[in-house]
C-alpha atoms as a PDB file:
ATOM      1  CA  MET A   1     -25.948 199.526 -12.667  1.00  0.00           C
ATOM      2  CA  ASP A   2     -28.416 202.116 -14.509  1.00  0.00           C
ATOM      3  CA  ARG A   3     -31.307 199.884 -13.350  1.00  0.00           C
ATOM      4  CA  LEU A   4     -29.547 200.256  -9.821  1.00  0.00           C
ATOM      5  CA  ARG A   5     -29.738 204.120 -10.072  1.00  0.00           C
ATOM      6  CA  HIS A   6     -32.809 204.161 -11.363  1.00  0.00           C
ATOM      7  CA  ALA A   7     -34.518 202.146  -8.451  1.00  0.00           C
ATOM      8  CA  ILE A   8     -32.473 204.924  -6.091  1.00  0.00           C
ATOM      9  CA  LEU A   9     -33.070 208.036  -7.634  1.00  0.00           C
ATOM     10  CA  PRO A  10     -36.076 208.996  -9.804  1.00  0.00           C
ATOM     11  CA  PRO A  11     -35.310 209.768 -13.133  1.00  0.00           C
ATOM     12  CA  VAL A  12     -34.716 213.307 -14.272  1.00  0.00           C
ATOM     13  CA  SER A  13     -36.372 214.888 -16.708  1.00  0.00           C
ATOM     14  CA  GLU A  14     -34.323 215.632 -19.979  1.00  0.00           C
ATOM     15  CA  ASP A  15     -35.319 219.569 -19.900  1.00  0.00           C
ATOM     16  CA  PRO A  16     -35.361 220.507 -16.132  1.00  0.00           C
ATOM     17  CA  LYS A  17     -36.469 223.902 -16.700  1.00  0.00           C
ATOM     18  CA  ASP A  18     -39.485 224.935 -15.074  1.00  0.00           C
ATOM     19  CA  PRO A  19     -41.947 227.163 -17.264  1.00  0.00           C
ATOM     20  CA  VAL A  20     -43.661 228.698 -14.263  1.00  0.00           C
ATOM     21  CA  LEU A  21     -40.398 229.399 -12.480  1.00  0.00           C
ATOM     22  CA  ASP A  22     -39.543 231.110 -16.009  1.00  0.00           C
ATOM     23  CA  ALA A  23     -42.244 232.990 -16.513  1.00  0.00           C
ATOM     24  CA  LEU A  24     -42.078 234.377 -12.894  1.00  0.00           C
ATOM     25  CA  TRP A  25     -38.653 235.389 -13.513  1.00  0.00           C
ATOM     26  CA  LYS A  26     -39.510 237.000 -16.563  1.00  0.00           C
ATOM     27  CA  ARG A  27     -42.078 238.849 -14.609  1.00  0.00           C
ATOM     28  CA  VAL A  28     -39.576 240.107 -11.832  1.00  0.00           C
ATOM     29  CA  LEU A  29     -37.358 241.418 -14.178  1.00  0.00           C
ATOM     30  CA  GLU A  30     -39.824 243.547 -16.016  1.00  0.00           C
ATOM     31  CA  ALA A  31     -41.553 244.797 -12.255  1.00  0.00           C
ATOM     32  CA  TRP A  32     -38.604 244.737 -10.419  1.00  0.00           C
ATOM     33  CA  ASP A  33     -39.149 247.023  -8.037  1.00  0.00           C
ATOM     34  CA  ASP A  34     -42.372 245.423  -6.983  1.00  0.00           C
ATOM     35  CA  ASP A  35     -41.821 243.053  -3.878  1.00  0.00           C
ATOM     36  CA  LYS A  36     -45.131 241.138  -4.926  1.00  0.00           C
ATOM     37  CA  THR A  37     -43.183 239.494  -8.098  1.00  0.00           C
ATOM     38  CA  HIS A  38     -40.563 238.330  -5.877  1.00  0.00           C
ATOM     39  CA  ALA A  39     -42.341 237.025  -2.974  1.00  0.00           C
ATOM     40  CA  ALA A  40     -44.203 234.931  -5.625  1.00  0.00           C
ATOM     41  CA  LEU A  41     -41.293 234.171  -7.378  1.00  0.00           C
ATOM     42  CA  LEU A  42     -40.027 232.746  -3.683  1.00  0.00           C
ATOM     43  CA  GLU A  43     -43.272 231.036  -2.824  1.00  0.00           C
ATOM     44  CA  HIS A  44     -43.197 229.284  -6.067  1.00  0.00           C
ATOM     45  CA  ALA A  45     -39.571 228.286  -5.706  1.00  0.00           C
ATOM     46  CA  LEU A  46     -40.140 227.139  -2.040  1.00  0.00           C
ATOM     47  CA  ARG A  47     -43.480 224.962  -3.392  1.00  0.00           C
ATOM     48  CA  VAL A  48     -41.185 223.080  -5.922  1.00  0.00           C
ATOM     49  CA  GLN A  49     -37.832 223.315  -4.535  1.00  0.00           C
ATOM     50  CA  ALA A  50     -36.282 225.259  -6.545  1.00  0.00           C
ATOM     51  CA  LEU A  51     -34.231 227.419  -4.608  1.00  0.00           C
ATOM     52  CA  PRO A  52     -31.048 226.599  -5.941  1.00  0.00           C
ATOM     53  CA  ASP A  53     -32.271 227.918  -9.157  1.00  0.00           C
ATOM     54  CA  ILE A  54     -33.616 231.700  -7.996  1.00  0.00           C
ATOM     55  CA  ALA A  55     -30.743 232.044  -6.007  1.00  0.00           C
ATOM     56  CA  GLY A  56     -28.400 231.888  -9.145  1.00  0.00           C
ATOM     57  CA  ARG A  57     -30.684 233.917 -10.504  1.00  0.00           C
ATOM     58  CA  TYR A  58     -30.207 236.466  -8.238  1.00  0.00           C
ATOM     59  CA  ARG A  59     -26.721 235.627  -7.517  1.00  0.00           C
ATOM     60  CA  ALA A  60     -26.052 236.807 -11.246  1.00  0.00           C
ATOM     61  CA  LEU A  61     -27.603 240.270 -10.787  1.00  0.00           C
ATOM     62  CA  ALA A  62     -25.805 240.947  -7.467  1.00  0.00           C
ATOM     63  CA  ASP A  63     -23.269 243.062  -9.158  1.00  0.00           C
ATOM     64  CA  ASP A  64     -25.231 244.988 -11.364  1.00  0.00           C
ATOM     65  CA  LEU A  65     -25.376 248.726 -10.556  1.00  0.00           C
ATOM     66  CA  GLU A  66     -29.349 249.001 -10.352  1.00  0.00           C
ATOM     67  CA  LYS A  67     -30.390 245.829  -9.338  1.00  0.00           C
ATOM     68  CA  GLY A  68     -27.496 244.588  -7.311  1.00  0.00           C
ATOM     69  CA  ALA A  69     -28.505 246.326  -4.184  1.00  0.00           C
ATOM     70  CA  LEU A  70     -32.115 244.465  -3.984  1.00  0.00           C
ATOM     71  CA  ALA A  71     -30.651 241.312  -5.242  1.00  0.00           C
ATOM     72  CA  ARG A  72     -28.369 240.691  -2.867  1.00  0.00           C
ATOM     73  CA  LYS A  73     -31.235 241.570   0.008  1.00  0.00           C
ATOM     74  CA  LYS A  74     -33.465 238.804  -1.821  1.00  0.00           C
ATOM     75  CA  LEU A  75     -30.320 236.503  -1.532  1.00  0.00           C
ATOM     76  CA  ASP A  76     -30.344 237.002   2.157  1.00  0.00           C
ATOM     77  CA  GLY A  77     -34.027 236.036   1.592  1.00  0.00           C
ATOM     78  CA  ILE A  78     -33.611 233.179   0.001  1.00  0.00           C
ATOM     79  CA  VAL A  79     -30.805 232.063   2.861  1.00  0.00           C
ATOM     80  CA  LEU A  80     -33.630 232.729   5.321  1.00  0.00           C
ATOM     81  CA  ALA A  81     -36.331 230.396   3.624  1.00  0.00           C
ATOM     82  CA  ALA A  82     -33.880 227.798   2.980  1.00  0.00           C
ATOM     83  CA  THR A  83     -32.713 227.887   6.861  1.00  0.00           C
ATOM     84  CA  GLN A  84     -35.951 227.884   7.970  1.00  0.00           C
ATOM     85  CA  LEU A  85     -37.241 224.966   5.476  1.00  0.00           C
ATOM     86  CA  LEU A  86     -33.847 223.086   6.761  1.00  0.00           C
ATOM     87  CA  MET A  87     -35.560 223.539  10.303  1.00  0.00           C
ATOM     88  CA  SER A  88     -38.670 222.339   9.860  1.00  0.00           C
ATOM     89  CA  MET A  89     -37.816 219.185   8.268  1.00  0.00           C
ATOM     90  CA  LYS A  90     -35.408 218.588  11.331  1.00  0.00           C
ATOM     91  CA  THR A  91     -35.907 215.260  12.964  1.00  0.00           C
ATOM     92  CA  PRO A  92     -36.696 215.565  16.673  1.00  0.00           C
ATOM     93  CA  LYS A  93     -35.163 214.509  19.272  1.00  0.00           C
ATOM     94  CA  PRO A  94     -35.384 210.614  20.682  1.00  0.00           C
ATOM     95  CA  GLY A  95     -37.936 210.255  23.189  1.00  0.00           C
ATOM     96  CA  LYS A  96     -36.883 208.491  26.557  1.00  0.00           C
ATOM     97  CA  VAL A  97     -37.451 205.197  26.991  1.00  0.00           C
ATOM     98  CA  PRO A  98     -40.176 203.813  29.216  1.00  0.00           C
ATOM     99  CA  LEU A  99     -39.043 202.620  32.428  1.00  0.00           C
ATOM    100  CA  PRO A 100     -40.989 199.126  32.466  1.00  0.00           C
ATOM    101  CA  ILE A 101     -39.120 198.629  29.082  1.00  0.00           C
ATOM    102  CA  THR A 102     -35.351 199.154  30.743  1.00  0.00           C
ATOM    103  CA  LEU A 103     -36.678 197.201  33.656  1.00  0.00           C
ATOM    104  CA  SER A 104     -37.231 194.001  31.852  1.00  0.00           C
ATOM    105  CA  ALA A 105     -34.078 194.530  29.666  1.00  0.00           C
ATOM    106  CA  PHE A 106     -32.074 194.753  32.986  1.00  0.00           C
ATOM    107  CA  ALA A 107     -34.087 191.682  34.136  1.00  0.00           C
ATOM    108  CA  VAL A 108     -33.357 189.545  31.090  1.00  0.00           C
ATOM    109  CA  SER A 109     -29.596 190.566  31.027  1.00  0.00           C
ATOM    110  CA  THR A 110     -29.359 189.532  34.701  1.00  0.00           C
ATOM    111  CA  LEU A 111     -31.174 186.185  34.184  1.00  0.00           C
ATOM    112  CA  LEU A 112     -28.803 185.323  31.016  1.00  0.00           C
ATOM    113  CA  LEU A 113     -25.581 186.533  33.214  1.00  0.00           C
ATOM    114  CA  ALA A 114     -26.843 184.277  36.058  1.00  0.00           C
ATOM    115  CA  TRP A 115     -27.648 181.291  34.064  1.00  0.00           C
ATOM    116  CA  LEU A 116     -24.056 182.067  31.913  1.00  0.00           C
ATOM    117  CA  ALA A 117     -22.540 181.880  35.698  1.00  0.00           C
ATOM    118  CA  TRP A 118     -24.003 178.810  36.609  1.00  0.00           C
ATOM    119  CA  ALA A 119     -22.999 177.223  33.305  1.00  0.00           C
ATOM    120  CA  VAL A 120     -19.589 177.791  34.033  1.00  0.00           C
ATOM    121  CA  TRP A 121     -18.957 177.761  37.424  1.00  0.00           C
ATOM    122  CA  GLY A 122     -21.739 175.500  38.866  1.00  0.00           C
ATOM    123  CA  ARG A 123     -21.545 172.343  37.218  1.00  0.00           C
ATOM    124  CA  HIS A 124     -18.828 170.535  38.498  1.00  0.00           C
END
């Protein structure tokens, strides 16, 4: 069963921490009012698919008196980025089946039904 799990899911490393993400988060905390550090953190999180991780970090600061307002604003930005990411990955609507293929399927079905009717009622 373990072999099947590894065939379906890639093995997860024992240390899931991203040192770049941790360094960027530390820089964000040091320069909290600098929008460039927040933007760099969000860009890196989008690139490595770590939006839930930074959302959790901002969520932990949402009730803070000093940092709470900006943390909630950045959480809204993360939700917006995640929504845009999901919409960009949305599968396109299936195209219309070309008319020649539809007519061919109709003709084959009609011939098969006629042959079946002949086989059932035509032979006596």
